Amino acid sequence: MNRRTMLRAALAPLLLPLLGGAAQAVPLSEVSEIRVIQTKDPARTLERVSAPGYAHALAQSVLAFVIEGYPKGNLPVWKKPLSQVDLHTRIPLICDQVVQGVIRHASVHPVDPCWIMGQMMAESFFCEFAVSSALAVGPCQFIAATARGYGMVCADDHGQPAGFARRQDLEPEFGQMSAQREQMRALRREQPELFNNPARLLRSLLNSLAAGKPPTSAGTYALALDRMELLQARYAMARDNCRLYMEENFKDRSIFNPQDAAFFEKFDQRVLYPHCVNAMVRMMAENLRSRSGNILAATAGYNAGLGNTDYSKAGIYEPYGRIPNFAETVDYVSKILVNHYEIARRMG
């Protein structure tokens, strides 16, 4: 019996306590179909996801993949072993919300639930209190501006009464961060050559020196660089304080505690499954519609912004968009392709 066969046999008893005793041995298909250009006709998707037990089977498949993939060591994002993270509670609830969202937004564009689960795994590994360096929050990793576009309350402008949130002394840091970011943008507009094409500017300066003509603008550029460094330092400090503020308000709270869940309804809805998962499915449906069903460009748009997937003046390719040449985005889409494969093939 090879290692894979042994793991398959071991999964069934592992999953039984996780899924209320109803789990069966997880089938492993060698084929996991993913259509790069997804059909806009929702009939097939709705028929599949509306079938009795679909959400349960999806949760079973995700859990099986996690158990087989992370038998030891710490889970990504959580930084603790699987035995200390109750994904058996989280993943079935998330799957229910994903299926509801797919059905709700099918008229915009059908979305593959297996893809969404693989995407969320890449985003946050299903951690509701994940906070990124860019201050994206929750299992679906929405930044505040995007989340508000989907009607969610966010920590930087929450609705809790005075005194309910912890570390209110840090609340002004959101305004400070925004101000520093705007000043950096203004400086880039003032000195586009310096910040947008420094290599070209450096060559121009070196050519002037080689020709015996000292560049008169060198002092201006030096001052601009000093100013940018100061703004970046202030921005980083404000951003770190904002992250601390959110982490302090997440600490020792649980979305499964009704009192805490009520707190998050008015503090930051990005951590609550009904809000963030619905928004994630809707955003992916909108991206798919905008990119003519191209799941790779739609997913890249979720990570890098849909505008960065434009393929202007590309003839027949233009409607489908493209994957931008950003290392983070390429890595992101690559991981989701594998996650989808591993989840979908366990669906049988």
Protein backbone atom coordinates (compact mmCIF):
# COMPACT_ATOMS: atom_id res chain seq x y z
CA MET A 1 0.00 0.00 0.00
CA ASN A 2 1.57 3.28 -1.11
CA ARG A 3 1.56 6.51 0.87
CA ARG A 4 -1.37 8.05 -1.06
CA THR A 5 -3.53 4.96 -0.56
CA MET A 6 -2.71 4.94 3.14
CA LEU A 7 -3.67 8.59 3.43
CA ARG A 8 -6.97 7.98 1.66
CA ALA A 9 -7.78 5.18 4.08
CA ALA A 10 -6.86 7.39 7.03
CA LEU A 11 -9.02 10.31 5.98
CA ALA A 12 -12.37 8.67 6.61
CA PRO A 13 -11.99 8.17 10.38
CA LEU A 14 -10.37 11.60 10.69
CA LEU A 15 -13.31 13.29 9.00
CA LEU A 16 -16.04 11.45 10.87
CA PRO A 17 -15.75 13.52 14.08
CA LEU A 18 -15.19 16.68 12.06
CA LEU A 19 -18.37 16.39 10.03
CA GLY A 20 -20.83 15.02 12.55
CA GLY A 21 -20.32 11.35 11.75
CA ALA A 22 -21.77 11.63 8.24
CA ALA A 23 -18.54 11.70 6.25
CA GLN A 24 -17.60 8.85 3.98
CA ALA A 25 -14.22 7.99 2.51
CA VAL A 26 -13.29 10.85 0.22
CA PRO A 27 -13.07 9.80 -3.44
CA LEU A 28 -9.97 10.95 -5.29
CA SER A 29 -10.36 11.52 -9.01
CA GLU A 30 -7.29 12.02 -11.15
CA VAL A 31 -9.19 14.62 -13.19
CA SER A 32 -10.34 18.02 -11.94
CA GLU A 33 -11.88 20.01 -14.75
CA ILE A 34 -11.49 23.76 -14.71
CA ARG A 35 -12.72 25.72 -17.69
CA VAL A 36 -10.51 28.78 -18.06
CA ILE A 37 -13.37 30.51 -19.88
CA GLN A 38 -16.40 29.94 -17.66
CA THR A 39 -19.83 29.78 -19.28
CA LYS A 40 -22.22 32.65 -18.53
CA ASP A 41 -25.19 30.29 -18.55
CA PRO A 42 -25.98 29.62 -14.86
CA ALA A 43 -28.19 26.56 -15.43
CA ARG A 44 -25.50 23.90 -15.03
CA THR A 45 -23.91 25.58 -11.99
CA LEU A 46 -27.27 26.12 -10.27
CA GLU A 47 -28.28 22.52 -10.85
CA ARG A 48 -25.02 21.27 -9.36
CA VAL A 49 -24.80 23.52 -6.30
CA SER A 50 -28.53 23.23 -5.49
CA ALA A 51 -28.32 19.46 -5.21
CA PRO A 52 -28.95 18.12 -1.67
CA GLY A 53 -25.70 17.69 0.26
CA TYR A 54 -23.54 19.72 -2.12
CA ALA A 55 -22.31 22.17 0.54
CA HIS A 56 -21.57 19.24 2.87
CA ALA A 57 -19.57 17.45 0.16
CA LEU A 58 -17.67 20.65 -0.55
CA ALA A 59 -16.77 21.05 3.13
CA GLN A 60 -15.71 17.41 3.32
CA SER A 61 -13.45 17.84 0.30
CA VAL A 62 -11.80 21.00 1.64
CA LEU A 63 -11.18 19.43 5.03
CA ALA A 64 -9.76 16.30 3.41
CA PHE A 65 -7.32 18.40 1.40
CA VAL A 66 -6.25 20.35 4.49
CA ILE A 67 -5.80 17.23 6.61
CA GLU A 68 -3.74 15.48 3.94
CA GLY A 69 -1.76 18.59 3.06
CA TYR A 70 -0.95 19.76 6.59
CA PRO A 71 -0.61 16.66 8.78
CA LYS A 72 2.09 18.31 10.87
CA GLY A 73 3.63 21.71 11.39
CA ASN A 74 1.75 24.99 11.57
CA LEU A 75 -1.03 26.08 9.25
CA PRO A 76 -0.41 29.16 7.10
CA VAL A 77 -1.75 32.42 8.60
CA TRP A 78 -2.84 30.70 11.82
CA LYS A 79 0.75 29.87 12.83
CA LYS A 80 -0.47 26.93 14.88
CA PRO A 81 -1.06 23.23 14.15
CA LEU A 82 -4.31 21.95 12.66
CA SER A 83 -5.26 20.31 15.95
CA GLN A 84 -5.53 23.77 17.55
CA VAL A 85 -7.73 25.32 14.84
CA ASP A 86 -11.36 24.22 14.65
CA LEU A 87 -11.65 24.28 10.86
CA HIS A 88 -14.27 21.55 11.23
CA THR A 89 -16.57 24.32 12.55
CA ARG A 90 -15.46 27.08 10.21
CA ILE A 91 -15.28 25.37 6.82
CA PRO A 92 -18.83 23.90 6.74
CA LEU A 93 -20.27 27.32 7.69
CA ILE A 94 -18.18 29.03 5.03
CA CYS A 95 -19.25 26.45 2.43
CA ASP A 96 -22.91 27.11 3.22
CA GLN A 97 -22.35 30.84 2.64
CA VAL A 98 -20.42 30.20 -0.58
CA VAL A 99 -23.22 28.06 -2.01
CA GLN A 100 -25.83 30.66 -1.04
CA GLY A 101 -23.73 33.38 -2.64
CA VAL A 102 -23.25 31.41 -5.87
CA ILE A 103 -27.01 30.91 -6.13
CA ARG A 104 -27.74 34.54 -5.21
CA HIS A 105 -25.36 36.01 -7.81
CA ALA A 106 -25.74 33.45 -10.60
CA SER A 107 -27.55 36.01 -12.76
CA VAL A 108 -24.42 38.21 -12.70
CA HIS A 109 -22.19 35.28 -13.69
CA PRO A 110 -21.97 31.68 -12.41
CA VAL A 111 -19.07 31.03 -10.03
CA ASP A 112 -17.46 27.69 -9.17
CA PRO A 113 -17.72 27.10 -5.37
CA CYS A 114 -14.58 24.93 -5.43
CA TRP A 115 -12.67 27.85 -6.93
CA ILE A 116 -13.95 30.24 -4.24
CA MET A 117 -12.88 27.86 -1.47
CA GLY A 118 -9.45 27.47 -3.07
CA GLN A 119 -9.23 31.24 -3.38
CA MET A 120 -10.15 31.81 0.26
CA MET A 121 -7.56 29.23 1.26
CA ALA A 122 -4.93 31.28 -0.59
CA GLU A 123 -6.22 34.55 0.84
CA SER A 124 -6.41 33.73 4.55
CA PHE A 125 -6.57 29.97 5.10
CA PHE A 126 -10.12 30.64 6.37
CA CYS A 127 -8.92 32.82 9.26
CA GLU A 128 -11.58 35.41 10.13
CA PHE A 129 -9.14 37.62 12.03
CA ALA A 130 -6.40 37.65 9.39
CA VAL A 131 -5.01 41.17 8.86
CA SER A 132 -2.55 41.71 6.01
CA SER A 133 0.24 44.27 5.77
CA ALA A 134 -2.08 46.25 3.46
CA LEU A 135 -4.79 46.10 6.19
CA ALA A 136 -6.96 43.68 4.27
CA VAL A 137 -9.15 41.92 6.83
CA GLY A 138 -11.06 38.66 7.22
CA PRO A 139 -11.25 35.33 5.44
CA CYS A 140 -11.80 37.07 2.09
CA GLN A 141 -9.15 39.77 2.70
CA PHE A 142 -11.04 42.91 1.73
CA ILE A 143 -9.40 46.29 2.09
CA ALA A 144 -11.71 48.88 3.63
CA ALA A 145 -12.42 50.83 0.43
CA THR A 146 -13.50 47.70 -1.46
CA ALA A 147 -15.50 46.35 1.49
CA ARG A 148 -17.45 49.59 1.82
CA GLY A 149 -18.28 49.33 -1.88
CA TYR A 150 -20.10 46.12 -1.00
CA GLY A 151 -21.89 47.69 1.96
CA MET A 152 -19.69 46.41 4.77
CA VAL A 153 -18.87 48.28 7.98
CA CYS A 154 -15.10 48.59 8.54
CA ALA A 155 -12.97 49.36 11.59
CA ASP A 156 -11.64 52.64 10.22
CA ASP A 157 -15.16 54.12 10.28
CA HIS A 158 -17.10 51.79 12.57
CA GLY A 159 -20.47 52.36 14.12
CA GLN A 160 -19.79 51.30 17.70
CA PRO A 161 -20.65 53.91 20.37
CA ALA A 162 -17.81 55.73 22.08
CA GLY A 163 -16.09 53.51 24.64
CA PHE A 164 -17.08 50.17 23.09
CA ALA A 165 -13.96 49.66 20.99
CA ARG A 166 -10.58 49.04 22.57
CA ARG A 167 -7.59 51.34 22.10
CA GLN A 168 -9.58 54.31 20.91
CA ASP A 169 -6.39 56.34 21.19
CA LEU A 170 -5.30 54.63 17.96
CA GLU A 171 -8.38 55.50 15.92
CA PRO A 172 -6.88 58.76 14.55
CA GLU A 173 -4.10 56.69 12.97
CA PHE A 174 -6.42 55.77 10.08
CA GLY A 175 -6.68 59.44 9.17
CA GLN A 176 -2.92 59.87 9.54
CA MET A 177 -2.28 56.90 7.26
CA SER A 178 -4.65 58.27 4.63
CA ALA A 179 -3.03 61.72 4.79
CA GLN A 180 0.49 60.31 4.39
CA ARG A 181 -0.61 58.15 1.48
CA GLU A 182 -2.16 61.14 -0.30
CA GLN A 183 0.99 63.21 0.23
CA MET A 184 3.08 60.42 -1.28
CA ARG A 185 0.79 60.32 -4.31
CA ALA A 186 1.05 64.08 -4.67
CA LEU A 187 4.84 63.91 -4.52
CA ARG A 188 4.90 61.24 -7.23
CA ARG A 189 2.75 63.50 -9.41
CA GLU A 190 5.13 66.39 -8.82
CA GLN A 191 8.20 64.31 -9.69
CA PRO A 192 7.00 61.70 -12.20
CA GLU A 193 10.47 61.11 -13.72
CA LEU A 194 12.06 60.49 -10.33
CA PHE A 195 9.47 58.03 -9.04
CA ASN A 196 8.01 56.51 -12.21
CA ASN A 197 11.13 56.04 -14.33
CA PRO A 198 14.21 56.43 -12.11
CA ALA A 199 16.46 54.45 -14.47
CA ARG A 200 15.79 56.86 -17.31
CA LEU A 201 16.36 59.85 -15.04
CA LEU A 202 19.63 58.40 -13.73
CA ARG A 203 20.89 57.88 -17.27
CA SER A 204 20.02 61.49 -18.11
CA LEU A 205 21.92 62.76 -15.07
CA LEU A 206 24.96 60.60 -15.85
CA ASN A 207 24.99 61.79 -19.45
CA SER A 208 24.96 65.41 -18.22
CA LEU A 209 27.88 64.73 -15.91
CA ALA A 210 29.81 62.93 -18.66
CA ALA A 211 29.30 65.96 -20.88
CA GLY A 212 30.71 68.23 -18.20
CA LYS A 213 27.35 69.78 -17.41
CA PRO A 214 26.47 69.40 -13.71
CA PRO A 215 22.70 68.76 -13.43
CA THR A 216 21.04 71.76 -11.84
CA SER A 217 18.03 69.71 -10.71
CA ALA A 218 20.01 67.21 -8.59
CA GLY A 219 19.33 69.12 -5.38
CA THR A 220 15.59 69.13 -6.09
CA TYR A 221 15.62 65.38 -6.65
CA ALA A 222 17.56 64.80 -3.43
CA LEU A 223 15.05 66.83 -1.45
CA ALA A 224 12.17 64.90 -3.03
CA LEU A 225 13.76 61.59 -2.10
CA ASP A 226 14.28 62.73 1.48
CA ARG A 227 10.66 63.87 1.62
CA MET A 228 9.42 60.54 0.26
CA GLU A 229 11.47 58.58 2.81
CA LEU A 230 9.98 60.62 5.63
CA LEU A 231 6.43 60.16 4.34
CA GLN A 232 6.97 56.42 3.92
CA ALA A 233 8.25 56.11 7.48
CA ARG A 234 5.26 58.02 8.84
CA TYR A 235 2.88 55.99 6.71
CA ALA A 236 4.39 52.70 7.91
CA MET A 237 4.10 53.79 11.54
CA ALA A 238 0.45 54.80 11.13
CA ARG A 239 -0.32 51.56 9.27
CA ASP A 240 1.27 49.47 12.03
CA ASN A 241 -0.80 51.32 14.62
CA CYS A 242 -3.96 50.71 12.60
CA ARG A 243 -3.15 47.01 12.46
CA LEU A 244 -2.52 46.99 16.22
CA TYR A 245 -5.89 48.68 16.75
CA MET A 246 -7.72 45.97 14.82
CA GLU A 247 -5.80 43.14 16.43
CA GLU A 248 -6.57 44.54 19.89
CA ASN A 249 -10.28 44.55 19.05
CA PHE A 250 -10.13 41.02 17.64
CA LYS A 251 -8.21 39.65 20.64
CA ASP A 252 -10.11 37.15 22.83
CA ARG A 253 -13.28 37.57 20.76
CA SER A 254 -15.04 34.93 18.67
CA ILE A 255 -17.42 35.29 15.76
CA PHE A 256 -19.19 32.21 17.16
CA ASN A 257 -20.05 34.05 20.39
CA PRO A 258 -23.37 35.91 19.82
CA GLN A 259 -22.25 38.89 21.90
CA ASP A 260 -18.98 39.22 19.97
CA ALA A 261 -20.75 38.71 16.66
CA ALA A 262 -23.07 41.58 17.56
CA PHE A 263 -20.01 43.72 18.29
CA PHE A 264 -18.53 42.95 14.87
CA GLU A 265 -21.77 43.82 13.10
CA LYS A 266 -21.07 47.43 14.04
CA PHE A 267 -17.28 47.31 14.21
CA ASP A 268 -16.01 45.33 11.20
CA GLN A 269 -18.24 43.07 9.12
CA ARG A 270 -15.31 41.77 7.09
CA VAL A 271 -14.78 39.07 9.75
CA LEU A 272 -18.37 37.77 9.51
CA TYR A 273 -19.09 35.04 6.95
CA PRO A 274 -22.51 36.25 5.71
CA HIS A 275 -21.07 39.63 4.78
CA CYS A 276 -17.59 38.88 3.44
CA VAL A 277 -18.30 35.59 1.67
CA ASN A 278 -21.33 37.02 -0.11
CA ALA A 279 -19.22 40.00 -1.22
CA MET A 280 -16.40 37.75 -2.41
CA VAL A 281 -18.72 35.65 -4.58
CA ARG A 282 -20.40 38.77 -5.94
CA MET A 283 -17.05 40.40 -6.75
CA MET A 284 -15.83 37.29 -8.55
CA ALA A 285 -19.13 37.10 -10.49
CA GLU A 286 -18.69 40.73 -11.52
CA ASN A 287 -15.05 40.15 -12.49
CA LEU A 288 -16.02 37.11 -14.56
CA ARG A 289 -18.68 39.11 -16.36
CA SER A 290 -16.17 41.92 -17.04
CA ARG A 291 -13.56 39.48 -18.36
CA SER A 292 -15.89 37.36 -20.51
CA GLY A 293 -15.68 34.42 -18.12
CA ASN A 294 -11.85 34.25 -17.96
CA ILE A 295 -11.41 32.80 -14.48
CA LEU A 296 -7.67 33.53 -14.41
CA ALA A 297 -8.04 37.24 -15.25
CA ALA A 298 -11.04 37.55 -12.91
CA THR A 299 -9.02 36.05 -10.06
CA ALA A 300 -6.00 38.22 -10.83
CA GLY A 301 -8.38 41.19 -10.67
CA TYR A 302 -9.45 40.20 -7.17
CA ASN A 303 -5.83 40.33 -6.06
CA ALA A 304 -4.39 43.20 -8.08
CA GLY A 305 -7.45 45.23 -9.03
CA LEU A 306 -9.55 44.57 -12.13
CA GLY A 307 -8.04 47.56 -13.94
CA ASN A 308 -4.65 45.86 -13.93
CA THR A 309 -6.09 42.97 -15.96
CA ASP A 310 -7.10 45.22 -18.89
CA TYR A 311 -5.81 44.03 -22.26
CA SER A 312 -6.37 47.18 -24.27
CA LYS A 313 -5.78 47.23 -28.02
CA ALA A 314 -5.25 43.47 -28.04
CA GLY A 315 -7.85 42.61 -30.66
CA ILE A 316 -9.57 39.30 -30.04
CA TYR A 317 -7.88 38.99 -26.62
CA GLU A 318 -9.15 42.28 -25.24
CA PRO A 319 -12.54 41.09 -23.87
CA TYR A 320 -10.87 38.33 -21.84
CA GLY A 321 -8.28 40.41 -20.01
CA ARG A 322 -4.91 39.11 -18.86
CA ILE A 323 -2.87 38.17 -15.81
CA PRO A 324 -0.68 41.19 -14.96
CA ASN A 325 3.05 40.67 -14.59
CA PHE A 326 3.07 41.08 -10.80
CA ALA A 327 4.97 38.39 -8.91
CA GLU A 328 2.43 38.37 -6.07
CA THR A 329 -0.51 37.98 -8.46
CA VAL A 330 1.12 35.22 -10.49
CA ASP A 331 1.89 33.33 -7.27
CA TYR A 332 -1.69 33.91 -6.04
CA VAL A 333 -3.35 32.55 -9.19
CA SER A 334 -0.91 29.62 -9.30
CA LYS A 335 -1.82 28.55 -5.76
CA ILE A 336 -5.55 28.79 -6.43
CA LEU A 337 -5.24 26.58 -9.52
CA VAL A 338 -3.71 23.86 -7.36
CA ASN A 339 -6.19 24.40 -4.51
CA HIS A 340 -9.08 24.08 -6.96
CA TYR A 341 -7.64 20.90 -8.43
CA GLU A 342 -7.18 19.27 -5.03
CA ILE A 343 -10.63 20.30 -3.75
CA ALA A 344 -12.60 19.53 -6.92
CA ARG A 345 -11.12 16.09 -7.46
CA ARG A 346 -12.23 15.11 -3.96
CA MET A 347 -15.79 16.05 -4.89
CA GLY A 348 -15.90 12.93 -7.02
